[in-house]
PDB file of N, CA and C in Angstrom:
ATOM      1  N   UNK A   1     102.957  75.456 120.306  1.00  0.00           N
ATOM      2  CA  UNK A   1     103.557  76.711 119.803  1.00  0.00           C
ATOM      3  C   UNK A   1     104.472  76.540 118.418  1.00  0.00           C
ATOM      4  N   UNK A   2     104.082  76.967 117.179  1.00  0.00           N
ATOM      5  CA  UNK A   2     105.249  76.916 116.218  1.00  0.00           C
ATOM      6  C   UNK A   2     106.585  77.621 116.275  1.00  0.00           C
ATOM      7  N   UNK A   3     107.397  77.019 115.301  1.00  0.00           N
ATOM      8  CA  UNK A   3     108.804  77.482 115.418  1.00  0.00           C
ATOM      9  C   UNK A   3     108.810  78.856 114.786  1.00  0.00           C
ATOM     10  N   UNK A   4     107.623  79.313 113.921  1.00  0.00           N
ATOM     11  CA  UNK A   4     107.505  80.742 113.212  1.00  0.00           C
ATOM     12  C   UNK A   4     107.390  81.732 114.174  1.00  0.00           C
ATOM     13  N   UNK A   5     106.299  81.314 115.590  1.00  0.00           N
ATOM     14  CA  UNK A   5     105.896  82.004 116.860  1.00  0.00           C
ATOM     15  C   UNK A   5     107.121  82.121 117.134  1.00  0.00           C
ATOM     16  N   UNK A   6     107.977  81.759 117.688  1.00  0.00           N
ATOM     17  CA  UNK A   6     109.345  81.822 118.702  1.00  0.00           C
ATOM     18  C   UNK A   6     110.241  82.631 117.835  1.00  0.00           C
ATOM     19  N   UNK A   7     110.308  82.477 116.429  1.00  0.00           N
ATOM     20  CA  UNK A   7     111.258  83.448 115.681  1.00  0.00           C
ATOM     21  C   UNK A   7     110.364  84.839 115.563  1.00  0.00           C
ATOM     22  N   UNK A   8     109.314  84.955 115.655  1.00  0.00           N
ATOM     23  CA  UNK A   8     108.568  86.217 115.791  1.00  0.00           C
ATOM     24  C   UNK A   8     108.603  86.855 116.593  1.00  0.00           C
ATOM     25  N   UNK A   9     108.306  86.116 117.976  1.00  0.00           N
ATOM     26  CA  UNK A   9     108.566  87.082 119.177  1.00  0.00           C
ATOM     27  C   UNK A   9     109.928  87.272 119.557  1.00  0.00           C
ATOM     28  N   UNK A  10     111.146  86.297 119.126  1.00  0.00           N
ATOM     29  CA  UNK A  10     112.319  86.856 119.314  1.00  0.00           C
ATOM     30  C   UNK A  10     112.585  88.110 118.417  1.00  0.00           C
ATOM     31  N   UNK A  11     112.386  88.254 117.269  1.00  0.00           N
ATOM     32  CA  UNK A  11     112.513  89.561 116.625  1.00  0.00           C
ATOM     33  C   UNK A  11     111.634  90.531 117.044  1.00  0.00           C
ATOM     34  N   UNK A  12     110.398  90.230 117.368  1.00  0.00           N
ATOM     35  CA  UNK A  12     109.759  91.118 118.136  1.00  0.00           C
ATOM     36  C   UNK A  12     110.401  91.809 119.396  1.00  0.00           C
ATOM     37  N   UNK A  13     111.423  91.057 120.100  1.00  0.00           N
ATOM     38  CA  UNK A  13     111.579  91.860 121.447  1.00  0.00           C
ATOM     39  C   UNK A  13     112.875  92.327 120.655  1.00  0.00           C
ATOM     40  N   UNK A  14     113.732  92.007 119.587  1.00  0.00           N
ATOM     41  CA  UNK A  14     114.697  93.012 119.315  1.00  0.00           C
ATOM     42  C   UNK A  14     114.489  94.478 118.530  1.00  0.00           C
ATOM     43  N   UNK A  15     112.967  93.947 117.719  1.00  0.00           N
ATOM     44  CA  UNK A  15     112.656  95.433 117.343  1.00  0.00           C
ATOM     45  C   UNK A  15     112.293  96.306 118.434  1.00  0.00           C
ATOM     46  N   UNK A  16     111.384  95.875 119.339  1.00  0.00           N
ATOM     47  CA  UNK A  16     111.005  96.783 120.647  1.00  0.00           C
ATOM     48  C   UNK A  16     112.051  97.047 121.322  1.00  0.00           C
ATOM     49  N   UNK A  17     113.365  96.382 121.446  1.00  0.00           N
ATOM     50  CA  UNK A  17     114.303  96.974 122.306  1.00  0.00           C
ATOM     51  C   UNK A  17     115.114  98.223 121.389  1.00  0.00           C
ATOM     52  N   UNK A  18     115.028  98.019 120.194  1.00  0.00           N
ATOM     53  CA  UNK A  18     115.648  98.983 119.242  1.00  0.00           C
ATOM     54  C   UNK A  18     115.073 100.263 119.330  1.00  0.00           C
ATOM     55  N   UNK A  19     113.605 100.070 119.546  1.00  0.00           N
ATOM     56  CA  UNK A  19     112.478 101.179 119.424  1.00  0.00           C
ATOM     57  C   UNK A  19     113.110 102.302 120.641  1.00  0.00           C
ATOM     58  N   UNK A  20     113.286 101.599 121.693  1.00  0.00           N
ATOM     59  CA  UNK A  20     113.815 102.660 123.210  1.00  0.00           C
ATOM     60  C   UNK A  20     114.759 103.535 122.663  1.00  0.00           C
ATOM     61  N   UNK A  21     116.028 103.177 122.343  1.00  0.00           N
ATOM     62  CA  UNK A  21     116.895 104.673 122.427  1.00  0.00           C
ATOM     63  C   UNK A  21     116.411 105.548 121.685  1.00  0.00           C
ATOM     64  N   UNK A  22     115.889 105.470 120.157  1.00  0.00           N
ATOM     65  CA  UNK A  22     115.559 106.144 118.984  1.00  0.00           C
ATOM     66  C   UNK A  22     114.481 107.123 119.457  1.00  0.00           C
ATOM     67  N   UNK A  23     113.316 106.456 120.037  1.00  0.00           N
ATOM     68  CA  UNK A  23     112.229 107.112 120.472  1.00  0.00           C
ATOM     69  C   UNK A  23     112.270 107.986 121.711  1.00  0.00           C
ATOM     70  N   UNK A  24     113.196 107.512 122.575  1.00  0.00           N
ATOM     71  CA  UNK A  24     113.521 108.057 124.005  1.00  0.00           C
ATOM     72  C   UNK A  24     114.107 109.437 123.420  1.00  0.00           C
ATOM     73  N   UNK A  25     115.279 109.255 122.526  1.00  0.00           N
ATOM     74  CA  UNK A  25     116.382 110.369 122.260  1.00  0.00           C
ATOM     75  C   UNK A  25     115.438 111.481 121.163  1.00  0.00           C
ATOM     76  N   UNK A  26     114.641 110.886 120.390  1.00  0.00           N
ATOM     77  CA  UNK A  26     113.450 111.746 119.679  1.00  0.00           C
ATOM     78  C   UNK A  26     112.930 112.857 120.622  1.00  0.00           C
ATOM     79  N   UNK A  27     112.009 112.111 121.353  1.00  0.00           N
ATOM     80  CA  UNK A  27     110.990 113.060 122.388  1.00  0.00           C
ATOM     81  C   UNK A  27     112.221 113.939 123.177  1.00  0.00           C
ATOM     82  N   UNK A  28     113.300 113.790 123.518  1.00  0.00           N
ATOM     83  CA  UNK A  28     114.155 114.281 124.250  1.00  0.00           C
ATOM     84  C   UNK A  28     114.513 115.292 123.709  1.00  0.00           C
ATOM     85  N   UNK A  29     114.549 115.339 122.471  1.00  0.00           N
ATOM     86  CA  UNK A  29     115.118 116.458 121.218  1.00  0.00           C
ATOM     87  C   UNK A  29     116.459 116.445 120.834  1.00  0.00           C
ATOM     88  N   UNK A  30     117.008 115.247 121.330  1.00  0.00           N
ATOM     89  CA  UNK A  30     118.619 114.859 120.947  1.00  0.00           C
ATOM     90  C   UNK A  30     118.662 114.001 119.754  1.00  0.00           C
ATOM     91  N   UNK A  31     119.738 114.455 119.013  1.00  0.00           N
ATOM     92  CA  UNK A  31     119.737 113.607 117.900  1.00  0.00           C
ATOM     93  C   UNK A  31     120.662 112.422 118.255  1.00  0.00           C
ATOM     94  N   UNK A  32     120.590 111.112 117.484  1.00  0.00           N
ATOM     95  CA  UNK A  32     121.049 110.138 117.576  1.00  0.00           C
ATOM     96  C   UNK A  32     121.284 109.442 116.481  1.00  0.00           C
ATOM     97  N   UNK A  33     122.529 108.205 116.480  1.00  0.00           N
ATOM     98  CA  UNK A  33     122.595 107.514 115.481  1.00  0.00           C
ATOM     99  C   UNK A  33     121.265 106.944 115.053  1.00  0.00           C
ATOM    100  N   UNK A  34     121.267 106.763 113.487  1.00  0.00           N
ATOM    101  CA  UNK A  34     120.160 105.851 113.048  1.00  0.00           C
ATOM    102  C   UNK A  34     120.561 105.453 111.824  1.00  0.00           C
ATOM    103  N   UNK A  35     119.907 104.844 111.160  1.00  0.00           N
ATOM    104  CA  UNK A  35     119.866 104.026 109.657  1.00  0.00           C
ATOM    105  C   UNK A  35     120.022 105.077 108.706  1.00  0.00           C
ATOM    106  N   UNK A  36     119.345 106.111 109.129  1.00  0.00           N
ATOM    107  CA  UNK A  36     119.328 107.221 107.869  1.00  0.00           C
ATOM    108  C   UNK A  36     120.422 108.134 107.730  1.00  0.00           C
ATOM    109  N   UNK A  37     121.299 108.244 108.749  1.00  0.00           N
ATOM    110  CA  UNK A  37     122.383 109.155 109.074  1.00  0.00           C
ATOM    111  C   UNK A  37     123.350 109.078 107.701  1.00  0.00           C
ATOM    112  N   UNK A  38     124.301 110.034 107.690  1.00  0.00           N
ATOM    113  CA  UNK A  38     125.445 109.661 107.030  1.00  0.00           C
ATOM    114  C   UNK A  38     126.934 109.724 107.941  1.00  0.00           C
ATOM    115  N   UNK A  39     127.497 108.857 107.905  1.00  0.00           N
ATOM    116  CA  UNK A  39     127.506 107.580 107.470  1.00  0.00           C
ATOM    117  C   UNK A  39     126.405 106.522 108.132  1.00  0.00           C
ATOM    118  N   UNK A  40     125.772 106.080 107.386  1.00  0.00           N
ATOM    119  CA  UNK A  40     125.077 104.919 108.047  1.00  0.00           C
ATOM    120  C   UNK A  40     124.971 104.517 109.562  1.00  0.00           C
ATOM    121  N   UNK A  41     124.285 104.339 110.370  1.00  0.00           N
ATOM    122  CA  UNK A  41     124.290 103.856 111.295  1.00  0.00           C
ATOM    123  C   UNK A  41     125.303 104.464 112.593  1.00  0.00           C
ATOM    124  N   UNK A  42     126.107 105.426 111.992  1.00  0.00           N
ATOM    125  CA  UNK A  42     127.121 106.169 112.809  1.00  0.00           C
ATOM    126  C   UNK A  42     126.967 107.507 113.196  1.00  0.00           C
ATOM    127  N   UNK A  43     126.650 108.717 112.138  1.00  0.00           N
ATOM    128  CA  UNK A  43     125.967 109.844 111.807  1.00  0.00           C
ATOM    129  C   UNK A  43     124.672 109.840 112.756  1.00  0.00           C
ATOM    130  N   UNK A  44     124.725 111.039 113.261  1.00  0.00           N
ATOM    131  CA  UNK A  44     123.301 111.680 113.613  1.00  0.00           C
ATOM    132  C   UNK A  44     122.146 111.921 112.919  1.00  0.00           C
ATOM    133  N   UNK A  45     121.050 111.188 113.270  1.00  0.00           N
ATOM    134  CA  UNK A  45     119.795 111.835 112.627  1.00  0.00           C
ATOM    135  C   UNK A  45     119.171 113.030 113.770  1.00  0.00           C
ATOM    136  N   UNK A  46     118.145 113.535 113.269  1.00  0.00           N
ATOM    137  CA  UNK A  46     117.586 114.525 114.351  1.00  0.00           C
ATOM    138  C   UNK A  46     116.548 113.928 114.683  1.00  0.00           C
ATOM    139  N   UNK A  47     116.008 114.610 115.732  1.00  0.00           N
ATOM    140  CA  UNK A  47     115.451 114.194 116.788  1.00  0.00           C
ATOM    141  C   UNK A  47     113.823 114.008 116.155  1.00  0.00           C
ATOM    142  N   UNK A  48     113.715 114.308 115.191  1.00  0.00           N
ATOM    143  CA  UNK A  48     112.496 113.794 114.508  1.00  0.00           C
ATOM    144  C   UNK A  48     112.320 112.842 113.890  1.00  0.00           C
ATOM    145  N   UNK A  49     113.327 112.541 113.331  1.00  0.00           N
ATOM    146  CA  UNK A  49     114.106 111.506 112.390  1.00  0.00           C
ATOM    147  C   UNK A  49     113.713 109.802 113.473  1.00  0.00           C
ATOM    148  N   UNK A  50     114.517 110.418 114.610  1.00  0.00           N
ATOM    149  CA  UNK A  50     114.711 109.251 115.715  1.00  0.00           C
ATOM    150  C   UNK A  50     113.108 109.259 116.083  1.00  0.00           C
ATOM    151  N   UNK A  51     112.490 109.692 116.594  1.00  0.00           N
ATOM    152  CA  UNK A  51     111.078 109.985 117.358  1.00  0.00           C
ATOM    153  C   UNK A  51     110.117 108.645 116.154  1.00  0.00           C
ATOM    154  N   UNK A  52     110.387 109.325 114.765  1.00  0.00           N
ATOM    155  CA  UNK A  52     109.586 108.257 113.905  1.00  0.00           C
ATOM    156  C   UNK A  52     110.150 107.015 113.833  1.00  0.00           C
ATOM    157  N   UNK A  53     111.276 106.836 113.570  1.00  0.00           N
ATOM    158  CA  UNK A  53     112.078 105.584 113.598  1.00  0.00           C
ATOM    159  C   UNK A  53     111.936 104.889 114.527  1.00  0.00           C
ATOM    160  N   UNK A  54     111.773 105.477 116.237  1.00  0.00           N
ATOM    161  CA  UNK A  54     111.145 105.047 116.974  1.00  0.00           C
ATOM    162  C   UNK A  54     109.948 104.098 116.993  1.00  0.00           C
ATOM    163  N   UNK A  55     109.152 105.187 117.104  1.00  0.00           N
ATOM    164  CA  UNK A  55     107.561 104.681 116.557  1.00  0.00           C
ATOM    165  C   UNK A  55     107.415 103.725 115.406  1.00  0.00           C
ATOM    166  N   UNK A  56     107.982 103.869 114.628  1.00  0.00           N
ATOM    167  CA  UNK A  56     107.741 102.425 113.438  1.00  0.00           C
ATOM    168  C   UNK A  56     108.374 101.246 114.399  1.00  0.00           C
ATOM    169  N   UNK A  57     109.215 101.075 114.824  1.00  0.00           N
ATOM    170  CA  UNK A  57     109.615 100.223 115.827  1.00  0.00           C
ATOM    171  C   UNK A  57     108.739  99.603 116.437  1.00  0.00           C
ATOM    172  N   UNK A  58     108.543 100.336 117.689  1.00  0.00           N
ATOM    173  CA  UNK A  58     107.035 100.035 118.045  1.00  0.00           C
ATOM    174  C   UNK A  58     106.186  99.210 117.621  1.00  0.00           C
ATOM    175  N   UNK A  59     105.607  99.857 116.462  1.00  0.00           N
ATOM    176  CA  UNK A  59     104.639  99.084 115.562  1.00  0.00           C
ATOM    177  C   UNK A  59     104.951  97.886 115.177  1.00  0.00           C
ATOM    178  N   UNK A  60     106.091  97.798 114.416  1.00  0.00           N
ATOM    179  CA  UNK A  60     106.358  96.577 114.342  1.00  0.00           C
ATOM    180  C   UNK A  60     106.847  95.368 115.181  1.00  0.00           C
ATOM    181  N   UNK A  61     107.253  95.641 115.905  1.00  0.00           N
ATOM    182  CA  UNK A  61     107.177  94.735 117.187  1.00  0.00           C
ATOM    183  C   UNK A  61     105.948  94.613 117.825  1.00  0.00           C
ATOM    184  N   UNK A  62     104.939  95.431 117.763  1.00  0.00           N
ATOM    185  CA  UNK A  62     103.732  95.193 118.719  1.00  0.00           C
ATOM    186  C   UNK A  62     103.047  94.181 117.419  1.00  0.00           C
ATOM    187  N   UNK A  63     103.508  94.337 115.990  1.00  0.00           N
ATOM    188  CA  UNK A  63     102.899  93.277 114.877  1.00  0.00           C
ATOM    189  C   UNK A  63     103.661  91.897 115.256  1.00  0.00           C
ATOM    190  N   UNK A  64     104.869  91.835 115.781  1.00  0.00           N
ATOM    191  CA  UNK A  64     105.321  90.757 115.910  1.00  0.00           C
ATOM    192  C   UNK A  64     104.957  89.923 116.997  1.00  0.00           C
ATOM    193  N   UNK A  65     104.346  91.000 117.893  1.00  0.00           N
ATOM    194  CA  UNK A  65     104.624  89.999 119.340  1.00  0.00           C
ATOM    195  C   UNK A  65     103.129  89.822 119.608  1.00  0.00           C
ATOM    196  N   UNK A  66     102.022  90.827 119.200  1.00  0.00           N
ATOM    197  CA  UNK A  66     100.800  90.471 119.385  1.00  0.00           C
ATOM    198  C   UNK A  66     100.195  89.779 118.288  1.00  0.00           C
ATOM    199  N   UNK A  67     100.365  90.201 117.154  1.00  0.00           N
ATOM    200  CA  UNK A  67      99.585  89.572 116.031  1.00  0.00           C
ATOM    201  C   UNK A  67     100.037  88.277 115.290  1.00  0.00           C
ATOM    202  N   UNK A  68     101.320  88.124 115.876  1.00  0.00           N
ATOM    203  CA  UNK A  68     101.307  87.021 115.052  1.00  0.00           C
ATOM    204  C   UNK A  68     101.690  85.458 116.171  1.00  0.00           C
ATOM    205  N   UNK A  69     100.918  84.734 115.828  1.00  0.00           N
ATOM    206  CA  UNK A  69     100.823  83.634 117.054  1.00  0.00           C
ATOM    207  C   UNK A  69      99.718  84.004 118.106  1.00  0.00           C
ATOM    208  N   UNK A  70      99.993  83.425 119.199  1.00  0.00           N
ATOM    209  CA  UNK A  70      98.956  83.562 120.477  1.00  0.00           C
ATOM    210  C   UNK A  70      99.778  83.862 121.712  1.00  0.00           C
ATOM    211  N   UNK A  71     100.614  84.907 121.483  1.00  0.00           N
ATOM    212  CA  UNK A  71     101.730  85.445 122.584  1.00  0.00           C
ATOM    213  C   UNK A  71     101.105  85.076 123.692  1.00  0.00           C
ATOM    214  N   UNK A  72     101.502  84.299 125.024  1.00  0.00           N
ATOM    215  CA  UNK A  72     101.073  84.193 126.051  1.00  0.00           C
ATOM    216  C   UNK A  72     101.674  84.461 127.551  1.00  0.00           C
ATOM    217  N   UNK A  73     102.062  85.665 128.373  1.00  0.00           N
ATOM    218  CA  UNK A  73     103.091  85.663 129.206  1.00  0.00           C
ATOM    219  C   UNK A  73     103.327  84.504 130.452  1.00  0.00           C
ATOM    220  N   UNK A  74     102.310  83.932 130.398  1.00  0.00           N
ATOM    221  CA  UNK A  74     102.208  82.828 131.140  1.00  0.00           C
ATOM    222  C   UNK A  74     103.155  81.537 130.594  1.00  0.00           C
ATOM    223  N   UNK A  75     103.391  81.732 129.313  1.00  0.00           N
ATOM    224  CA  UNK A  75     104.202  80.841 128.406  1.00  0.00           C
ATOM    225  C   UNK A  75     105.573  80.833 128.764  1.00  0.00           C
ATOM    226  N   UNK A  76     106.383  79.867 129.010  1.00  0.00           N
ATOM    227  CA  UNK A  76     107.729  80.150 128.953  1.00  0.00           C
ATOM    228  C   UNK A  76     108.572  80.188 128.055  1.00  0.00           C
ATOM    229  N   UNK A  77     107.892  79.261 127.082  1.00  0.00           N
ATOM    230  CA  UNK A  77     108.743  79.675 125.727  1.00  0.00           C
ATOM    231  C   UNK A  77     108.564  80.780 125.065  1.00  0.00           C
ATOM    232  N   UNK A  78     107.198  81.376 125.091  1.00  0.00           N
ATOM    233  CA  UNK A  78     107.049  82.690 124.475  1.00  0.00           C
ATOM    234  C   UNK A  78     107.824  83.819 125.454  1.00  0.00           C
ATOM    235  N   UNK A  79     107.631  84.013 126.514  1.00  0.00           N
ATOM    236  CA  UNK A  79     108.732  84.585 127.393  1.00  0.00           C
ATOM    237  C   UNK A  79     110.242  84.650 126.741  1.00  0.00           C
ATOM    238  N   UNK A  80     110.494  83.316 127.055  1.00  0.00           N
ATOM    239  CA  UNK A  80     112.012  83.190 126.730  1.00  0.00           C
ATOM    240  C   UNK A  80     112.485  83.440 125.282  1.00  0.00           C
ATOM    241  N   UNK A  81     111.800  83.529 124.226  1.00  0.00           N
ATOM    242  CA  UNK A  81     111.592  84.088 122.833  1.00  0.00           C
ATOM    243  C   UNK A  81     111.914  85.515 123.084  1.00  0.00           C
ATOM    244  N   UNK A  82     111.035  86.039 123.410  1.00  0.00           N
ATOM    245  CA  UNK A  82     110.990  87.788 123.450  1.00  0.00           C
ATOM    246  C   UNK A  82     112.204  88.445 124.600  1.00  0.00           C
ATOM    247  N   UNK A  83     112.650  87.585 125.375  1.00  0.00           N
ATOM    248  CA  UNK A  83     113.399  87.746 126.280  1.00  0.00           C
ATOM    249  C   UNK A  83     115.333  87.799 125.478  1.00  0.00           C
ATOM    250  N   UNK A  84     114.686  86.688 124.951  1.00  0.00           N
ATOM    251  CA  UNK A  84     116.264  86.442 123.896  1.00  0.00           C
ATOM    252  C   UNK A  84     116.534  87.213 123.088  1.00  0.00           C
ATOM    253  N   UNK A  85     115.319  87.673 122.109  1.00  0.00           N
ATOM    254  CA  UNK A  85     115.710  88.848 121.382  1.00  0.00           C
ATOM    255  C   UNK A  85     115.858  90.171 121.878  1.00  0.00           C
ATOM    256  N   UNK A  86     115.294  90.422 123.077  1.00  0.00           N
ATOM    257  CA  UNK A  86     115.369  91.805 123.748  1.00  0.00           C
ATOM    258  C   UNK A  86     117.244  91.908 124.274  1.00  0.00           C
ATOM    259  N   UNK A  87     117.323  90.667 124.704  1.00  0.00           N
ATOM    260  CA  UNK A  87     118.721  90.449 125.606  1.00  0.00           C
ATOM    261  C   UNK A  87     119.880  90.807 124.535  1.00  0.00           C
ATOM    262  N   UNK A  88     119.660  90.071 123.182  1.00  0.00           N
ATOM    263  CA  UNK A  88     120.972  89.615 122.325  1.00  0.00           C
ATOM    264  C   UNK A  88     120.801  91.291 121.953  1.00  0.00           C
ATOM    265  N   UNK A  89     119.489  91.905 121.397  1.00  0.00           N
ATOM    266  CA  UNK A  89     119.552  93.224 120.543  1.00  0.00           C
ATOM    267  C   UNK A  89     120.232  94.106 121.861  1.00  0.00           C
ATOM    268  N   UNK A  90     119.871  94.214 122.982  1.00  0.00           N
ATOM    269  CA  UNK A  90     120.617  95.115 123.871  1.00  0.00           C
ATOM    270  C   UNK A  90     121.687  95.252 124.325  1.00  0.00           C
ATOM    271  N   UNK A  91     122.505  94.085 124.156  1.00  0.00           N
ATOM    272  CA  UNK A  91     123.922  93.778 123.916  1.00  0.00           C
ATOM    273  C   UNK A  91     124.768  94.331 122.903  1.00  0.00           C
ATOM    274  N   UNK A  92     124.017  94.008 121.811  1.00  0.00           N
ATOM    275  CA  UNK A  92     124.391  94.373 120.693  1.00  0.00           C
ATOM    276  C   UNK A  92     124.524  95.905 120.314  1.00  0.00           C
ATOM    277  N   UNK A  93     123.266  96.439 120.657  1.00  0.00           N
ATOM    278  CA  UNK A  93     123.399  98.069 120.751  1.00  0.00           C
ATOM    279  C   UNK A  93     124.082  98.981 121.993  1.00  0.00           C
ATOM    280  N   UNK A  94     124.156  97.964 122.901  1.00  0.00           N
ATOM    281  CA  UNK A  94     125.122  98.130 123.873  1.00  0.00           C
ATOM    282  C   UNK A  94     126.811  98.776 123.620  1.00  0.00           C
ATOM    283  N   UNK A  95     126.873  97.637 122.708  1.00  0.00           N
ATOM    284  CA  UNK A  95     128.372  97.538 121.974  1.00  0.00           C
ATOM    285  C   UNK A  95     128.671  98.347 121.100  1.00  0.00           C
ATOM    286  N   UNK A  96     127.603  98.336 119.959  1.00  0.00           N
ATOM    287  CA  UNK A  96     127.383  99.527 119.003  1.00  0.00           C
ATOM    288  C   UNK A  96     127.562 101.102 119.422  1.00  0.00           C
ATOM    289  N   UNK A  97     126.283 101.207 119.929  1.00  0.00           N
ATOM    290  CA  UNK A  97     126.338 102.651 120.457  1.00  0.00           C
ATOM    291  C   UNK A  97     127.541 103.180 121.244  1.00  0.00           C
ATOM    292  N   UNK A  98     127.852 102.178 122.134  1.00  0.00           N
ATOM    293  CA  UNK A  98     129.209 102.352 123.180  1.00  0.00           C
ATOM    294  C   UNK A  98     130.179 102.929 122.577  1.00  0.00           C
ATOM    295  N   UNK A  99     130.517 102.494 121.539  1.00  0.00           N
ATOM    296  CA  UNK A  99     131.973 102.938 120.409  1.00  0.00           C
ATOM    297  C   UNK A  99     131.558 104.416 120.234  1.00  0.00           C
ATOM    298  N   UNK A 100     130.561 104.790 120.060  1.00  0.00           N
ATOM    299  CA  UNK A 100     130.288 106.328 119.757  1.00  0.00           C
ATOM    300  C   UNK A 100     129.760 107.421 120.711  1.00  0.00           C
ATOM    301  N   UNK A 101     129.467 106.550 121.863  1.00  0.00           N
ATOM    302  CA  UNK A 101     129.220 107.646 123.157  1.00  0.00           C
ATOM    303  C   UNK A 101     129.715 107.523 124.291  1.00  0.00           C
ATOM    304  N   UNK A 102     131.060 106.630 124.093  1.00  0.00           N
ATOM    305  CA  UNK A 102     131.913 106.525 125.191  1.00  0.00           C
ATOM    306  C   UNK A 102     131.789 105.248 125.958  1.00  0.00           C
ATOM    307  N   UNK A 103     130.578 104.456 126.020  1.00  0.00           N
ATOM    308  CA  UNK A 103     130.135 103.372 127.113  1.00  0.00           C
ATOM    309  C   UNK A 103     130.841 102.064 126.999  1.00  0.00           C
ATOM    310  N   UNK A 104     131.842 101.903 126.043  1.00  0.00           N
ATOM    311  CA  UNK A 104     132.494 100.571 125.945  1.00  0.00           C
ATOM    312  C   UNK A 104     133.773 100.609 126.962  1.00  0.00           C
ATOM    313  N   UNK A 105     134.199 101.825 127.200  1.00  0.00           N
ATOM    314  CA  UNK A 105     135.559 102.010 127.845  1.00  0.00           C
ATOM    315  C   UNK A 105     135.101 103.268 129.192  1.00  0.00           C
ATOM    316  N   UNK A 106     134.397 103.404 129.423  1.00  0.00           N
ATOM    317  CA  UNK A 106     133.946 104.502 130.448  1.00  0.00           C
ATOM    318  C   UNK A 106     135.649 104.977 131.500  1.00  0.00           C
ATOM    319  N   UNK A 107     135.587 106.117 131.560  1.00  0.00           N
ATOM    320  CA  UNK A 107     136.968 106.641 132.131  1.00  0.00           C
ATOM    321  C   UNK A 107     136.450 106.599 133.891  1.00  0.00           C
ATOM    322  N   UNK A 108     137.946 106.178 134.260  1.00  0.00           N
ATOM    323  CA  UNK A 108     137.489 106.383 135.948  1.00  0.00           C
ATOM    324  C   UNK A 108     137.063 107.494 136.216  1.00  0.00           C
ATOM    325  N   UNK A 109     136.157 107.627 137.355  1.00  0.00           N
ATOM    326  CA  UNK A 109     135.833 109.033 137.741  1.00  0.00           C
ATOM    327  C   UNK A 109     135.978 109.011 138.916  1.00  0.00           C
TER     328      UNK A 109
END
């Protein structure tokens, strides 16, 4: 595997992870933060914008993982690169969206 494939799979994992909250919020009809909101990344965008943004992320993630190199689920290096991108983006998104949605300091219930 070439290093560019690893980078592509890492970024693919990050982009696919980013697709999840946007697409799910969109199809549920809920507003959610997006890069198109004001202020950027903090304000809410409509459910339609989020569904479209989530779908675009899915398409880009597909291109980065499936169309670059020869991704193999049995290759530890391929899966680790994808998994690290997924994990790091997931933690970053949890921290960022947690600021706005109360997830960084949940109240004791």
